[in-house]
Amino acid sequence: MMDRIIMTTQQLQAEMAALRETVEVRFEAIDRAVILLQGIAPTIIEMKALVEERFVRIDTILDERDRRDAVIAAAHLTAVQAALQAQTEAIAATRTATGVAIARAEESTSGNIRAARHRQKHRQIKLALLIAVAIIVAVTLLSWPARSRDGLPLYIQNGSCFDDS
């Protein structure tokens, strides 16, 4: 049993030595890493400062672009509103002018219709007078005996005059 204890102790000591060696190697690696990082740290700090400076520049550029875009958008909005206002005023003026033109056209058409009716009445009156005159002339001609060139009466038969002699 003693052999076992000795063997276990020897194994334990061997394992502890191996563990110690591993830990020492790790510590040495950490020490080297710290030394390397201390050499790189200023470079990393400088890099961080450069990156931050670039981000500040980019932020400034984006802010300036946003301001320009806002100014341009406001100008476009003003231009569109002015164009819409001008279009609205043009439509209103067109409607007014169209209303006036329609009223004038209606007035002119009404005047033309009145004048045409007036002319038609005058034509009807003239025609009635012509018919009356024609009837009077016909009655007068029919009531008087027709005379020939030498003064002798002519008789009218079937719409034709003939000499009685």
Protein backbone atom coordinates (compact mmCIF):
# COMPACT_ATOMS: atom_id res chain seq x y z
CA MET A 1 0.00 0.00 0.00
CA MET A 2 2.90 2.18 0.63
CA ASP A 3 3.96 1.69 -2.91
CA ARG A 4 0.72 3.01 -4.05
CA ILE A 5 0.99 6.10 -1.94
CA ILE A 6 4.50 6.71 -3.20
CA MET A 7 3.33 6.21 -6.75
CA THR A 8 0.41 8.51 -6.28
CA THR A 9 2.63 11.13 -4.67
CA GLN A 10 5.17 10.83 -7.52
CA GLN A 11 2.38 11.14 -10.09
CA LEU A 12 0.95 14.08 -8.26
CA GLN A 13 4.37 15.77 -8.14
CA ALA A 14 4.89 15.09 -11.85
CA GLU A 15 1.48 16.56 -12.68
CA MET A 16 2.15 19.59 -10.51
CA ALA A 17 5.52 20.10 -12.23
CA ALA A 18 3.85 19.90 -15.63
CA LEU A 19 1.15 22.30 -14.50
CA ARG A 20 3.79 24.67 -13.09
CA GLU A 21 5.65 24.59 -16.40
CA THR A 22 2.44 25.32 -18.31
CA VAL A 23 1.57 28.20 -16.01
CA GLU A 24 5.09 29.62 -16.30
CA VAL A 25 4.94 29.40 -20.09
CA ARG A 26 1.60 31.19 -19.99
CA PHE A 27 2.92 33.89 -17.72
CA GLU A 28 5.89 34.40 -20.02
CA ALA A 29 3.49 34.66 -23.01
CA ILE A 30 1.38 37.19 -21.14
CA ASP A 31 4.48 39.19 -20.24
CA ARG A 32 5.59 39.23 -23.90
CA ALA A 33 2.05 40.22 -24.97
CA VAL A 34 2.05 43.07 -22.46
CA ILE A 35 5.43 44.25 -23.75
CA LEU A 36 4.17 44.07 -27.34
CA LEU A 37 0.93 45.84 -26.46
CA GLN A 38 2.85 48.55 -24.67
CA GLY A 39 4.81 49.08 -27.87
CA ILE A 40 1.64 49.03 -29.95
CA ALA A 41 -0.54 51.00 -27.52
CA PRO A 42 0.62 54.42 -28.71
CA THR A 43 -0.09 53.33 -32.28
CA ILE A 44 -3.55 52.08 -31.28
CA ILE A 45 -4.26 55.33 -29.43
CA GLU A 46 -3.10 57.31 -32.46
CA MET A 47 -5.27 55.13 -34.73
CA LYS A 48 -8.24 55.67 -32.45
CA ALA A 49 -7.65 59.44 -32.58
CA LEU A 50 -7.43 59.33 -36.39
CA VAL A 51 -10.61 57.28 -36.67
CA GLU A 52 -12.43 59.65 -34.31
CA GLU A 53 -11.15 62.63 -36.30
CA ARG A 54 -12.42 61.07 -39.52
CA PHE A 55 -15.80 60.39 -37.96
CA VAL A 56 -15.97 64.03 -36.86
CA ARG A 57 -15.13 65.13 -40.42
CA ILE A 58 -17.76 62.77 -41.84
CA ASP A 59 -20.33 64.08 -39.34
CA THR A 60 -19.47 67.65 -40.37
CA ILE A 61 -19.77 66.80 -44.05
CA LEU A 62 -23.11 65.05 -43.50
CA ASP A 63 -24.41 67.98 -41.43
CA GLU A 64 -23.42 70.44 -44.17
CA ARG A 65 -25.06 68.25 -46.81
CA ASP A 66 -28.22 67.99 -44.71
CA ARG A 67 -28.32 71.78 -44.36
CA ARG A 68 -27.83 72.25 -48.12
CA ASP A 69 -30.50 69.65 -48.85
CA ALA A 70 -32.88 71.42 -46.45
CA VAL A 71 -32.24 74.77 -48.18
CA ILE A 72 -32.73 73.20 -51.62
CA ALA A 73 -35.88 71.40 -50.48
CA ALA A 74 -37.26 74.66 -49.09
CA ALA A 75 -36.46 76.43 -52.37
CA HIS A 76 -38.16 73.65 -54.35
CA LEU A 77 -41.17 73.77 -52.07
CA THR A 78 -41.41 77.54 -52.50
CA ALA A 79 -41.11 77.18 -56.28
CA VAL A 80 -43.77 74.47 -56.42
CA GLN A 81 -46.11 76.52 -54.22
CA ALA A 82 -45.56 79.58 -56.42
CA ALA A 83 -46.23 77.52 -59.55
CA LEU A 84 -49.40 76.09 -58.03
CA GLN A 85 -50.54 79.58 -57.00
CA ALA A 86 -49.84 80.91 -60.49
CA GLN A 87 -51.73 77.99 -62.01
CA THR A 88 -54.68 78.60 -59.68
CA GLU A 89 -54.74 82.29 -60.62
CA ALA A 90 -54.50 81.40 -64.31
CA ILE A 91 -57.43 79.00 -63.97
CA ALA A 92 -59.47 81.67 -62.17
CA ALA A 93 -58.65 84.21 -64.89
CA THR A 94 -59.54 81.68 -67.59
CA ARG A 95 -62.86 80.92 -65.89
CA THR A 96 -63.65 84.63 -65.64
CA ALA A 97 -62.71 85.25 -69.26
CA THR A 98 -64.67 82.19 -70.37
CA GLY A 99 -67.72 83.37 -68.41
CA VAL A 100 -67.50 86.81 -70.01
CA ALA A 101 -67.05 85.26 -73.47
CA ILE A 102 -70.03 82.94 -72.94
CA ALA A 103 -72.18 85.87 -71.76
CA ARG A 104 -71.16 87.91 -74.83
CA ALA A 105 -71.82 84.95 -77.12
CA GLU A 106 -75.24 84.41 -75.54
CA GLU A 107 -76.04 88.10 -75.87
CA SER A 108 -74.87 88.12 -79.48
CA THR A 109 -76.84 84.97 -80.26
CA SER A 110 -79.96 86.43 -78.61
CA GLY A 111 -79.48 89.60 -80.63
CA ASN A 112 -79.04 87.59 -83.83
CA ILE A 113 -82.18 85.58 -83.06
CA ARG A 114 -84.16 88.79 -82.38
CA ALA A 115 -82.82 90.32 -85.60
CA ALA A 116 -83.66 87.17 -87.57
CA ARG A 117 -87.20 87.13 -86.12
CA HIS A 118 -87.54 90.82 -86.93
CA ARG A 119 -86.35 90.24 -90.51
CA GLN A 120 -88.68 87.27 -90.81
CA LYS A 121 -91.65 89.43 -89.66
CA HIS A 122 -90.68 92.11 -92.20
CA ARG A 123 -90.42 89.50 -94.94
CA GLN A 124 -93.81 88.10 -93.99
CA ILE A 125 -95.29 91.61 -94.00
CA LYS A 126 -93.64 92.37 -97.38
CA LEU A 127 -94.89 89.06 -98.76
CA ALA A 128 -98.41 89.77 -97.46
CA LEU A 129 -98.27 93.24 -99.04
CA LEU A 130 -97.01 91.81 -102.33
CA ILE A 131 -99.77 89.21 -102.30
CA ALA A 132 -102.33 91.93 -101.51
CA VAL A 133 -100.99 94.11 -104.31
CA ALA A 134 -101.01 91.13 -106.67
CA ILE A 135 -104.61 90.36 -105.73
CA ILE A 136 -105.61 94.01 -106.18
CA VAL A 137 -103.86 94.13 -109.54
CA ALA A 138 -105.49 90.85 -110.61
CA VAL A 139 -108.95 92.00 -109.52
CA THR A 140 -108.45 95.32 -111.21
CA LEU A 141 -107.28 93.69 -114.42
CA LEU A 142 -110.11 91.22 -114.40
CA SER A 143 -112.74 93.87 -113.78
CA TRP A 144 -111.60 96.10 -116.67
CA PRO A 145 -112.03 94.84 -120.14
CA ALA A 146 -108.81 94.36 -122.00
CA ARG A 147 -108.18 96.50 -125.05
CA SER A 148 -106.26 95.70 -128.15
CA ARG A 149 -103.74 97.99 -129.83
CA ASP A 150 -106.34 99.74 -131.74
CA GLY A 151 -108.52 100.20 -128.61
CA LEU A 152 -110.97 97.37 -129.18
CA PRO A 153 -111.90 95.16 -126.19
CA LEU A 154 -110.16 91.81 -125.80
CA TYR A 155 -111.71 88.84 -124.09
CA ILE A 156 -109.80 86.64 -121.82
CA GLN A 157 -110.48 82.97 -122.10
CA ASN A 158 -108.48 80.14 -120.61
CA GLY A 159 -105.78 82.50 -119.58
CA SER A 160 -105.18 83.78 -123.11
CA CYS A 161 -106.34 86.95 -124.75
CA PHE A 162 -107.67 86.91 -128.21
CA ASP A 163 -109.06 89.54 -130.49
CA ASP A 164 -112.81 89.48 -131.05
CA SER A 165 -112.64 90.48 -134.68
